[in-house]
Amino acid sequence: MLLNYINWNVNPEIVGFWGLSIRYYGLLFASSFFFGYLIMQKIFKKEGLTIELLDKLTVYMAVGTVIGARLGHCLFYQPGHYLSHPIDIIKIWEGGLASHGAAIGILIVLYYFSKKYKKPYLWTLDIIVIIVALSGFFIRMGNLMNSEIYGIPTELPWGFNFHQSSSVLSGIEKLEGRHPTQIYEALSYLLIFILLYAIYNKKGKELKQGLIFSLFLILMFTARFFVEFIKESQVNFEQGMSLNMGQWLSIPFVLIGLFLLYRSLKQQPAIK
């Protein structure tokens, strides 16, 4: 029955004027950088590093996240369309960001950051992924406000009716209770952030390089892998697949995380 479900009919636009609009997704995406920056200030102070270096790192992160997430969506999920219409790649305001692409973009830009400013690559990754986990929370909450990336139908009492869905759901399908997979993922990422930040604060300089990064990969992409089982397919070619694109892309990250965890436990504590 309809009354058993949560009616989610939130307008994704907060306010619009002169053809422009402020949306919840954009606000939450910006919040991830704002709060991440505040936390990184504490980390850099603890590490004895300058705010100037943090500002440079923030620029690298912003570029890697946005470009990586956009290219990841275009190449992993709709390569046929975007390779045929490359100008559409820059139309980021139309939506389409992939977390796996963001992860790859971040890995690349942080490698160049570490080389340029002579910081150990794994150490850089260790402190950054703490903030990335928190960013994942904000981004998935943004997806919730957009009524996108939701789950398959469910009869559970916390199922959501996504009335504002911009996908191809029919009027009847929009009244079906669906798993709020955005919330499942958001809470998972928030817990991962709390765990990683607690480990960093407790162990500090005793931490071995790559330990936090490896735990991030294992926990983040394992959570993503299992949530995908109850997530609606994002693109048509995923229909009928035993594992969808998100799951296939998660497996390598988990395996890399397991390898780095084994490797980090045999190393000496990080030296900055």
C-alpha atoms as a PDB file:
ATOM      1  CA  MET A   1       0.000   0.000   0.000  1.00  0.00           C
ATOM      2  CA  LEU A   2       1.124   3.548  -0.721  1.00  0.00           C
ATOM      3  CA  LEU A   3       0.853   4.546   2.937  1.00  0.00           C
ATOM      4  CA  ASN A   4       3.483   1.959   3.841  1.00  0.00           C
ATOM      5  CA  TYR A   5       6.119   3.900   1.941  1.00  0.00           C
ATOM      6  CA  ILE A   6       7.916   7.226   2.338  1.00  0.00           C
ATOM      7  CA  ASN A   7       6.756   9.733  -0.260  1.00  0.00           C
ATOM      8  CA  TRP A   8       9.847  11.531  -1.537  1.00  0.00           C
ATOM      9  CA  ASN A   9       8.704  14.482  -3.592  1.00  0.00           C
ATOM     10  CA  VAL A  10      11.517  16.995  -3.001  1.00  0.00           C
ATOM     11  CA  ASN A  11      12.222  19.534  -5.724  1.00  0.00           C
ATOM     12  CA  PRO A  12      15.972  19.223  -6.478  1.00  0.00           C
ATOM     13  CA  GLU A  13      16.127  22.967  -7.166  1.00  0.00           C
ATOM     14  CA  ILE A  14      16.368  25.206  -4.115  1.00  0.00           C
ATOM     15  CA  VAL A  15      15.921  28.483  -5.982  1.00  0.00           C
ATOM     16  CA  GLY A  16      16.091  29.623  -9.595  1.00  0.00           C
ATOM     17  CA  PHE A  17      16.584  33.047 -11.168  1.00  0.00           C
ATOM     18  CA  TRP A  18      17.666  34.493 -14.552  1.00  0.00           C
ATOM     19  CA  GLY A  19      17.849  31.027 -16.044  1.00  0.00           C
ATOM     20  CA  LEU A  20      20.227  29.836 -13.326  1.00  0.00           C
ATOM     21  CA  SER A  21      19.435  27.598 -10.391  1.00  0.00           C
ATOM     22  CA  ILE A  22      20.872  26.546  -7.058  1.00  0.00           C
ATOM     23  CA  ARG A  23      20.323  22.841  -6.475  1.00  0.00           C
ATOM     24  CA  TYR A  24      20.711  20.669  -3.430  1.00  0.00           C
ATOM     25  CA  TYR A  25      23.220  18.463  -5.258  1.00  0.00           C
ATOM     26  CA  GLY A  26      25.530  21.365  -6.017  1.00  0.00           C
ATOM     27  CA  LEU A  27      25.232  22.675  -2.471  1.00  0.00           C
ATOM     28  CA  LEU A  28      26.057  19.273  -0.974  1.00  0.00           C
ATOM     29  CA  PHE A  29      28.909  18.748  -3.443  1.00  0.00           C
ATOM     30  CA  ALA A  30      30.381  22.110  -2.411  1.00  0.00           C
ATOM     31  CA  SER A  31      29.831  21.197   1.255  1.00  0.00           C
ATOM     32  CA  SER A  32      32.029  18.139   0.806  1.00  0.00           C
ATOM     33  CA  PHE A  33      34.946  20.406  -0.150  1.00  0.00           C
ATOM     34  CA  PHE A  34      34.164  22.949   2.577  1.00  0.00           C
ATOM     35  CA  PHE A  35      34.024  20.495   5.475  1.00  0.00           C
ATOM     36  CA  GLY A  36      36.820  18.428   3.976  1.00  0.00           C
ATOM     37  CA  TYR A  37      39.017  21.525   3.917  1.00  0.00           C
ATOM     38  CA  LEU A  38      38.309  22.237   7.592  1.00  0.00           C
ATOM     39  CA  ILE A  39      39.274  18.705   8.582  1.00  0.00           C
ATOM     40  CA  MET A  40      42.367  18.795   6.410  1.00  0.00           C
ATOM     41  CA  GLN A  41      43.447  21.978   8.185  1.00  0.00           C
ATOM     42  CA  LYS A  42      43.509  19.998  11.441  1.00  0.00           C
ATOM     43  CA  ILE A  43      45.436  17.167   9.790  1.00  0.00           C
ATOM     44  CA  PHE A  44      47.995  19.486   8.209  1.00  0.00           C
ATOM     45  CA  LYS A  45      48.488  21.298  11.501  1.00  0.00           C
ATOM     46  CA  LYS A  46      49.076  17.964  13.229  1.00  0.00           C
ATOM     47  CA  GLU A  47      51.562  16.987  10.522  1.00  0.00           C
ATOM     48  CA  GLY A  48      53.380  20.315  10.734  1.00  0.00           C
ATOM     49  CA  LEU A  49      52.510  21.280   7.161  1.00  0.00           C
ATOM     50  CA  THR A  50      51.590  24.703   5.796  1.00  0.00           C
ATOM     51  CA  ILE A  51      48.151  25.909   4.756  1.00  0.00           C
ATOM     52  CA  GLU A  52      49.700  27.004   1.447  1.00  0.00           C
ATOM     53  CA  LEU A  53      50.460  23.365   0.666  1.00  0.00           C
ATOM     54  CA  LEU A  54      46.905  22.425   1.633  1.00  0.00           C
ATOM     55  CA  ASP A  55      45.514  25.026  -0.760  1.00  0.00           C
ATOM     56  CA  LYS A  56      47.540  23.525  -3.589  1.00  0.00           C
ATOM     57  CA  LEU A  57      46.373  20.037  -2.656  1.00  0.00           C
ATOM     58  CA  THR A  58      42.759  21.252  -2.657  1.00  0.00           C
ATOM     59  CA  VAL A  59      43.104  22.499  -6.230  1.00  0.00           C
ATOM     60  CA  TYR A  60      44.563  19.164  -7.331  1.00  0.00           C
ATOM     61  CA  MET A  61      41.719  17.314  -5.605  1.00  0.00           C
ATOM     62  CA  ALA A  62      39.004  19.483  -7.151  1.00  0.00           C
ATOM     63  CA  VAL A  63      40.397  19.024 -10.652  1.00  0.00           C
ATOM     64  CA  GLY A  64      40.936  15.285 -10.268  1.00  0.00           C
ATOM     65  CA  THR A  65      37.521  14.674  -8.729  1.00  0.00           C
ATOM     66  CA  VAL A  66      35.432  16.601 -11.245  1.00  0.00           C
ATOM     67  CA  ILE A  67      37.293  15.570 -14.398  1.00  0.00           C
ATOM     68  CA  GLY A  68      37.695  11.965 -13.271  1.00  0.00           C
ATOM     69  CA  ALA A  69      34.053  11.602 -12.211  1.00  0.00           C
ATOM     70  CA  ARG A  70      32.799  13.098 -15.465  1.00  0.00           C
ATOM     71  CA  LEU A  71      35.060  11.085 -17.760  1.00  0.00           C
ATOM     72  CA  GLY A  72      34.303   7.960 -15.728  1.00  0.00           C
ATOM     73  CA  HIS A  73      30.574   8.343 -16.352  1.00  0.00           C
ATOM     74  CA  CYS A  74      31.062   9.087 -20.035  1.00  0.00           C
ATOM     75  CA  LEU A  75      33.503   6.243 -20.752  1.00  0.00           C
ATOM     76  CA  PHE A  76      32.235   3.540 -18.367  1.00  0.00           C
ATOM     77  CA  TYR A  77      28.480   3.953 -18.707  1.00  0.00           C
ATOM     78  CA  GLN A  78      27.704   5.674 -22.035  1.00  0.00           C
ATOM     79  CA  PRO A  79      30.818   5.449 -24.223  1.00  0.00           C
ATOM     80  CA  GLY A  80      28.857   5.106 -27.456  1.00  0.00           C
ATOM     81  CA  HIS A  81      26.976   8.359 -26.969  1.00  0.00           C
ATOM     82  CA  TYR A  82      29.872  10.464 -25.693  1.00  0.00           C
ATOM     83  CA  LEU A  83      32.412   9.213 -28.229  1.00  0.00           C
ATOM     84  CA  SER A  84      29.910  10.092 -30.941  1.00  0.00           C
ATOM     85  CA  HIS A  85      29.063  13.439 -29.310  1.00  0.00           C
ATOM     86  CA  PRO A  86      32.292  14.494 -27.524  1.00  0.00           C
ATOM     87  CA  ILE A  87      31.035  18.052 -26.959  1.00  0.00           C
ATOM     88  CA  ASP A  88      28.466  16.582 -24.539  1.00  0.00           C
ATOM     89  CA  ILE A  89      31.283  15.527 -22.214  1.00  0.00           C
ATOM     90  CA  ILE A  90      31.700  19.091 -20.995  1.00  0.00           C
ATOM     91  CA  LYS A  91      27.962  19.469 -20.269  1.00  0.00           C
ATOM     92  CA  ILE A  92      28.438  18.512 -16.652  1.00  0.00           C
ATOM     93  CA  TRP A  93      25.360  20.526 -15.627  1.00  0.00           C
ATOM     94  CA  GLU A  94      23.212  17.866 -17.319  1.00  0.00           C
ATOM     95  CA  GLY A  95      24.356  15.320 -14.724  1.00  0.00           C
ATOM     96  CA  GLY A  96      26.486  12.212 -14.922  1.00  0.00           C
ATOM     97  CA  LEU A  97      29.343  11.647 -12.479  1.00  0.00           C
ATOM     98  CA  ALA A  98      30.888   8.268 -11.623  1.00  0.00           C
ATOM     99  CA  SER A  99      32.578   7.585  -8.294  1.00  0.00           C
ATOM    100  CA  HIS A 100      34.957   5.055  -9.844  1.00  0.00           C
ATOM    101  CA  GLY A 101      36.072   7.685 -12.340  1.00  0.00           C
ATOM    102  CA  ALA A 102      36.570  10.143  -9.486  1.00  0.00           C
ATOM    103  CA  ALA A 103      38.725   7.562  -7.693  1.00  0.00           C
ATOM    104  CA  ILE A 104      40.945   7.120 -10.747  1.00  0.00           C
ATOM    105  CA  GLY A 105      41.186  10.877 -11.262  1.00  0.00           C
ATOM    106  CA  ILE A 106      42.202  11.406  -7.640  1.00  0.00           C
ATOM    107  CA  LEU A 107      44.857   8.680  -7.833  1.00  0.00           C
ATOM    108  CA  ILE A 108      46.386  10.330 -10.893  1.00  0.00           C
ATOM    109  CA  VAL A 109      46.464  13.924  -9.637  1.00  0.00           C
ATOM    110  CA  LEU A 110      47.772  12.917  -6.212  1.00  0.00           C
ATOM    111  CA  TYR A 111      50.633  11.057  -7.866  1.00  0.00           C
ATOM    112  CA  TYR A 112      51.692  14.272  -9.594  1.00  0.00           C
ATOM    113  CA  PHE A 113      51.134  16.258  -6.391  1.00  0.00           C
ATOM    114  CA  SER A 114      53.360  13.872  -4.423  1.00  0.00           C
ATOM    115  CA  LYS A 115      56.096  14.037  -7.029  1.00  0.00           C
ATOM    116  CA  LYS A 116      56.020  17.819  -7.326  1.00  0.00           C
ATOM    117  CA  TYR A 117      55.988  18.538  -3.592  1.00  0.00           C
ATOM    118  CA  LYS A 118      58.140  15.572  -2.575  1.00  0.00           C
ATOM    119  CA  LYS A 119      55.657  13.822  -0.287  1.00  0.00           C
ATOM    120  CA  PRO A 120      55.324  10.016  -0.095  1.00  0.00           C
ATOM    121  CA  TYR A 121      52.519   8.944  -2.420  1.00  0.00           C
ATOM    122  CA  LEU A 122      50.950   6.442  -0.016  1.00  0.00           C
ATOM    123  CA  TRP A 123      51.084   8.934   2.835  1.00  0.00           C
ATOM    124  CA  THR A 124      49.276  11.490   0.678  1.00  0.00           C
ATOM    125  CA  LEU A 125      46.622   8.918  -0.174  1.00  0.00           C
ATOM    126  CA  ASP A 126      46.251   7.955   3.484  1.00  0.00           C
ATOM    127  CA  ILE A 127      45.215  11.437   4.578  1.00  0.00           C
ATOM    128  CA  ILE A 128      43.144  12.258   1.480  1.00  0.00           C
ATOM    129  CA  VAL A 129      40.883   9.196   1.565  1.00  0.00           C
ATOM    130  CA  ILE A 130      39.653  10.216   5.005  1.00  0.00           C
ATOM    131  CA  ILE A 131      38.088  13.254   3.346  1.00  0.00           C
ATOM    132  CA  VAL A 132      37.020  11.297   0.262  1.00  0.00           C
ATOM    133  CA  ALA A 133      34.913   9.022   2.458  1.00  0.00           C
ATOM    134  CA  LEU A 134      33.171  12.057   3.948  1.00  0.00           C
ATOM    135  CA  SER A 135      32.669  13.493   0.460  1.00  0.00           C
ATOM    136  CA  GLY A 136      30.981  10.245  -0.560  1.00  0.00           C
ATOM    137  CA  PHE A 137      28.407  10.849   2.170  1.00  0.00           C
ATOM    138  CA  PHE A 138      27.577  14.341   0.891  1.00  0.00           C
ATOM    139  CA  ILE A 139      27.438  13.263  -2.758  1.00  0.00           C
ATOM    140  CA  ARG A 140      25.075  10.352  -2.113  1.00  0.00           C
ATOM    141  CA  MET A 141      22.820  12.675  -0.104  1.00  0.00           C
ATOM    142  CA  GLY A 142      22.875  14.938  -3.152  1.00  0.00           C
ATOM    143  CA  ASN A 143      21.743  11.967  -5.255  1.00  0.00           C
ATOM    144  CA  LEU A 144      18.871  11.490  -2.810  1.00  0.00           C
ATOM    145  CA  MET A 145      17.795  15.116  -3.231  1.00  0.00           C
ATOM    146  CA  ASN A 146      17.930  14.573  -7.008  1.00  0.00           C
ATOM    147  CA  SER A 147      15.798  11.387  -6.693  1.00  0.00           C
ATOM    148  CA  GLU A 148      18.421   9.465  -8.680  1.00  0.00           C
ATOM    149  CA  ILE A 149      20.558   6.331  -8.293  1.00  0.00           C
ATOM    150  CA  TYR A 150      17.823   4.629  -6.299  1.00  0.00           C
ATOM    151  CA  GLY A 151      17.172   0.978  -5.611  1.00  0.00           C
ATOM    152  CA  ILE A 152      14.910  -1.725  -6.947  1.00  0.00           C
ATOM    153  CA  PRO A 153      11.308  -2.086  -5.717  1.00  0.00           C
ATOM    154  CA  THR A 154      10.846  -3.240  -2.130  1.00  0.00           C
ATOM    155  CA  GLU A 155       7.958  -3.888   0.247  1.00  0.00           C
ATOM    156  CA  LEU A 156       9.986  -2.794   3.262  1.00  0.00           C
ATOM    157  CA  PRO A 157       8.346   0.057   5.233  1.00  0.00           C
ATOM    158  CA  TRP A 158      11.269   2.434   4.593  1.00  0.00           C
ATOM    159  CA  GLY A 159      10.915   2.144   0.824  1.00  0.00           C
ATOM    160  CA  PHE A 160      10.805   5.518  -0.969  1.00  0.00           C
ATOM    161  CA  ASN A 161       8.378   6.675  -3.673  1.00  0.00           C
ATOM    162  CA  PHE A 162      10.626   8.833  -5.866  1.00  0.00           C
ATOM    163  CA  HIS A 163       8.040  11.164  -7.407  1.00  0.00           C
ATOM    164  CA  GLN A 164      10.668  13.563  -8.798  1.00  0.00           C
ATOM    165  CA  SER A 165      12.671  10.889 -10.607  1.00  0.00           C
ATOM    166  CA  SER A 166      13.868  12.196 -13.958  1.00  0.00           C
ATOM    167  CA  SER A 167      14.432   8.684 -15.336  1.00  0.00           C
ATOM    168  CA  VAL A 168      12.098   6.626 -17.485  1.00  0.00           C
ATOM    169  CA  LEU A 169       9.979   5.423 -14.555  1.00  0.00           C
ATOM    170  CA  SER A 170       6.283   5.434 -15.402  1.00  0.00           C
ATOM    171  CA  GLY A 171       3.730   7.106 -13.173  1.00  0.00           C
ATOM    172  CA  ILE A 172       2.829   3.764 -11.624  1.00  0.00           C
ATOM    173  CA  GLU A 173       6.479   2.815 -11.061  1.00  0.00           C
ATOM    174  CA  LYS A 174       7.087   6.109  -9.266  1.00  0.00           C
ATOM    175  CA  LEU A 175       4.517   4.998  -6.702  1.00  0.00           C
ATOM    176  CA  GLU A 176       6.428   1.794  -5.980  1.00  0.00           C
ATOM    177  CA  GLY A 177       8.456   1.653  -2.802  1.00  0.00           C
ATOM    178  CA  ARG A 178      12.128   1.458  -3.701  1.00  0.00           C
ATOM    179  CA  HIS A 179      15.271   0.880  -1.672  1.00  0.00           C
ATOM    180  CA  PRO A 180      16.793   4.285  -0.792  1.00  0.00           C
ATOM    181  CA  THR A 181      20.223   3.059  -1.821  1.00  0.00           C
ATOM    182  CA  GLN A 182      21.530   6.623  -1.691  1.00  0.00           C
ATOM    183  CA  ILE A 183      20.980   6.557   2.079  1.00  0.00           C
ATOM    184  CA  TYR A 184      22.489   3.076   2.432  1.00  0.00           C
ATOM    185  CA  GLU A 185      25.654   4.213   0.702  1.00  0.00           C
ATOM    186  CA  ALA A 186      25.754   7.612   2.411  1.00  0.00           C
ATOM    187  CA  LEU A 187      25.597   6.062   5.882  1.00  0.00           C
ATOM    188  CA  SER A 188      28.203   3.459   4.917  1.00  0.00           C
ATOM    189  CA  TYR A 189      30.593   6.172   3.763  1.00  0.00           C
ATOM    190  CA  LEU A 190      29.956   8.253   6.871  1.00  0.00           C
ATOM    191  CA  LEU A 191      30.830   5.293   9.095  1.00  0.00           C
ATOM    192  CA  ILE A 192      33.973   4.645   7.038  1.00  0.00           C
ATOM    193  CA  PHE A 193      34.978   8.297   7.458  1.00  0.00           C
ATOM    194  CA  ILE A 194      34.480   8.108  11.242  1.00  0.00           C
ATOM    195  CA  LEU A 195      36.520   4.894  11.439  1.00  0.00           C
ATOM    196  CA  LEU A 196      39.417   6.136   9.313  1.00  0.00           C
ATOM    197  CA  TYR A 197      39.585   9.508  11.059  1.00  0.00           C
ATOM    198  CA  ALA A 198      39.540   7.779  14.460  1.00  0.00           C
ATOM    199  CA  ILE A 199      42.397   5.486  13.403  1.00  0.00           C
ATOM    200  CA  TYR A 200      44.416   8.459  12.187  1.00  0.00           C
ATOM    201  CA  ASN A 201      43.828  10.460  15.380  1.00  0.00           C
ATOM    202  CA  LYS A 202      44.694   7.507  17.602  1.00  0.00           C
ATOM    203  CA  LYS A 203      47.782   6.230  15.783  1.00  0.00           C
ATOM    204  CA  GLY A 204      49.153   9.411  14.247  1.00  0.00           C
ATOM    205  CA  LYS A 205      52.783   9.028  13.187  1.00  0.00           C
ATOM    206  CA  GLU A 206      52.772   5.372  14.218  1.00  0.00           C
ATOM    207  CA  LEU A 207      50.648   4.592  11.177  1.00  0.00           C
ATOM    208  CA  LYS A 208      52.264   2.612   8.419  1.00  0.00           C
ATOM    209  CA  GLN A 209      52.096   4.058   4.934  1.00  0.00           C
ATOM    210  CA  GLY A 210      49.146   2.760   2.948  1.00  0.00           C
ATOM    211  CA  LEU A 211      47.226   1.351   5.915  1.00  0.00           C
ATOM    212  CA  ILE A 212      44.392   3.888   5.902  1.00  0.00           C
ATOM    213  CA  PHE A 213      44.300   3.936   2.107  1.00  0.00           C
ATOM    214  CA  SER A 214      44.041   0.140   1.942  1.00  0.00           C
ATOM    215  CA  LEU A 215      41.238   0.077   4.524  1.00  0.00           C
ATOM    216  CA  PHE A 216      39.431   2.776   2.558  1.00  0.00           C
ATOM    217  CA  LEU A 217      39.586   0.767  -0.668  1.00  0.00           C
ATOM    218  CA  ILE A 218      38.424  -2.428   0.990  1.00  0.00           C
ATOM    219  CA  LEU A 219      35.571  -0.900   2.984  1.00  0.00           C
ATOM    220  CA  MET A 220      34.347   1.673   0.473  1.00  0.00           C
ATOM    221  CA  PHE A 221      34.215  -0.574  -2.555  1.00  0.00           C
ATOM    222  CA  THR A 222      32.967  -3.624  -0.662  1.00  0.00           C
ATOM    223  CA  ALA A 223      30.043  -1.510   0.554  1.00  0.00           C
ATOM    224  CA  ARG A 224      29.491  -0.259  -2.984  1.00  0.00           C
ATOM    225  CA  PHE A 225      29.651  -3.816  -4.357  1.00  0.00           C
ATOM    226  CA  PHE A 226      26.902  -5.146  -2.082  1.00  0.00           C
ATOM    227  CA  VAL A 227      24.609  -2.125  -2.374  1.00  0.00           C
ATOM    228  CA  GLU A 228      24.694  -2.558  -6.155  1.00  0.00           C
ATOM    229  CA  PHE A 229      22.703  -5.798  -5.803  1.00  0.00           C
ATOM    230  CA  ILE A 230      19.627  -3.783  -4.834  1.00  0.00           C
ATOM    231  CA  LYS A 231      20.318  -0.727  -6.994  1.00  0.00           C
ATOM    232  CA  GLU A 232      18.363  -0.045 -10.180  1.00  0.00           C
ATOM    233  CA  SER A 233      20.434  -0.378 -13.352  1.00  0.00           C
ATOM    234  CA  GLN A 234      21.883   2.968 -14.411  1.00  0.00           C
ATOM    235  CA  VAL A 235      22.131   2.232 -18.133  1.00  0.00           C
ATOM    236  CA  ASN A 236      20.399  -0.192 -20.473  1.00  0.00           C
ATOM    237  CA  PHE A 237      23.368  -2.459 -21.151  1.00  0.00           C
ATOM    238  CA  GLU A 238      23.440  -3.485 -17.471  1.00  0.00           C
ATOM    239  CA  GLN A 239      20.091  -5.234 -17.821  1.00  0.00           C
ATOM    240  CA  GLY A 240      20.533  -8.983 -17.423  1.00  0.00           C
ATOM    241  CA  MET A 241      24.155  -8.753 -16.214  1.00  0.00           C
ATOM    242  CA  SER A 242      24.998 -10.977 -13.235  1.00  0.00           C
ATOM    243  CA  LEU A 243      27.223  -8.164 -11.956  1.00  0.00           C
ATOM    244  CA  ASN A 244      26.667  -4.587 -13.086  1.00  0.00           C
ATOM    245  CA  MET A 245      29.294  -2.082 -14.159  1.00  0.00           C
ATOM    246  CA  GLY A 246      29.631  -0.606 -10.663  1.00  0.00           C
ATOM    247  CA  GLN A 247      30.410  -4.043  -9.238  1.00  0.00           C
ATOM    248  CA  TRP A 248      32.931  -4.979 -11.927  1.00  0.00           C
ATOM    249  CA  LEU A 249      34.705  -1.662 -11.352  1.00  0.00           C
ATOM    250  CA  SER A 250      34.688  -2.183  -7.563  1.00  0.00           C
ATOM    251  CA  ILE A 251      36.418  -5.581  -7.611  1.00  0.00           C
ATOM    252  CA  PRO A 252      39.878  -4.296  -8.715  1.00  0.00           C
ATOM    253  CA  PHE A 253      39.820  -1.600  -6.022  1.00  0.00           C
ATOM    254  CA  VAL A 254      39.046  -4.174  -3.310  1.00  0.00           C
ATOM    255  CA  LEU A 255      41.843  -6.461  -4.542  1.00  0.00           C
ATOM    256  CA  ILE A 256      44.309  -3.566  -4.623  1.00  0.00           C
ATOM    257  CA  GLY A 257      43.220  -2.659  -1.104  1.00  0.00           C
ATOM    258  CA  LEU A 258      43.853  -6.195   0.160  1.00  0.00           C
ATOM    259  CA  PHE A 259      47.306  -6.218  -1.438  1.00  0.00           C
ATOM    260  CA  LEU A 260      48.207  -2.821   0.039  1.00  0.00           C
ATOM    261  CA  LEU A 261      46.936  -3.849   3.466  1.00  0.00           C
ATOM    262  CA  TYR A 262      49.205  -6.888   3.456  1.00  0.00           C
ATOM    263  CA  ARG A 263      52.096  -4.776   2.190  1.00  0.00           C
ATOM    264  CA  SER A 264      51.577  -1.918   4.678  1.00  0.00           C
ATOM    265  CA  LEU A 265      51.505  -4.229   7.681  1.00  0.00           C
ATOM    266  CA  LYS A 266      55.048  -5.325   6.816  1.00  0.00           C
ATOM    267  CA  GLN A 267      56.386  -1.776   6.519  1.00  0.00           C
ATOM    268  CA  GLN A 268      57.830   0.671   8.993  1.00  0.00           C
ATOM    269  CA  PRO A 269      55.699   3.601  10.219  1.00  0.00           C
ATOM    270  CA  ALA A 270      55.300   6.488   7.783  1.00  0.00           C
ATOM    271  CA  ILE A 271      58.092   9.053   7.569  1.00  0.00           C
ATOM    272  CA  LYS A 272      57.119  12.519   6.315  1.00  0.00           C
END
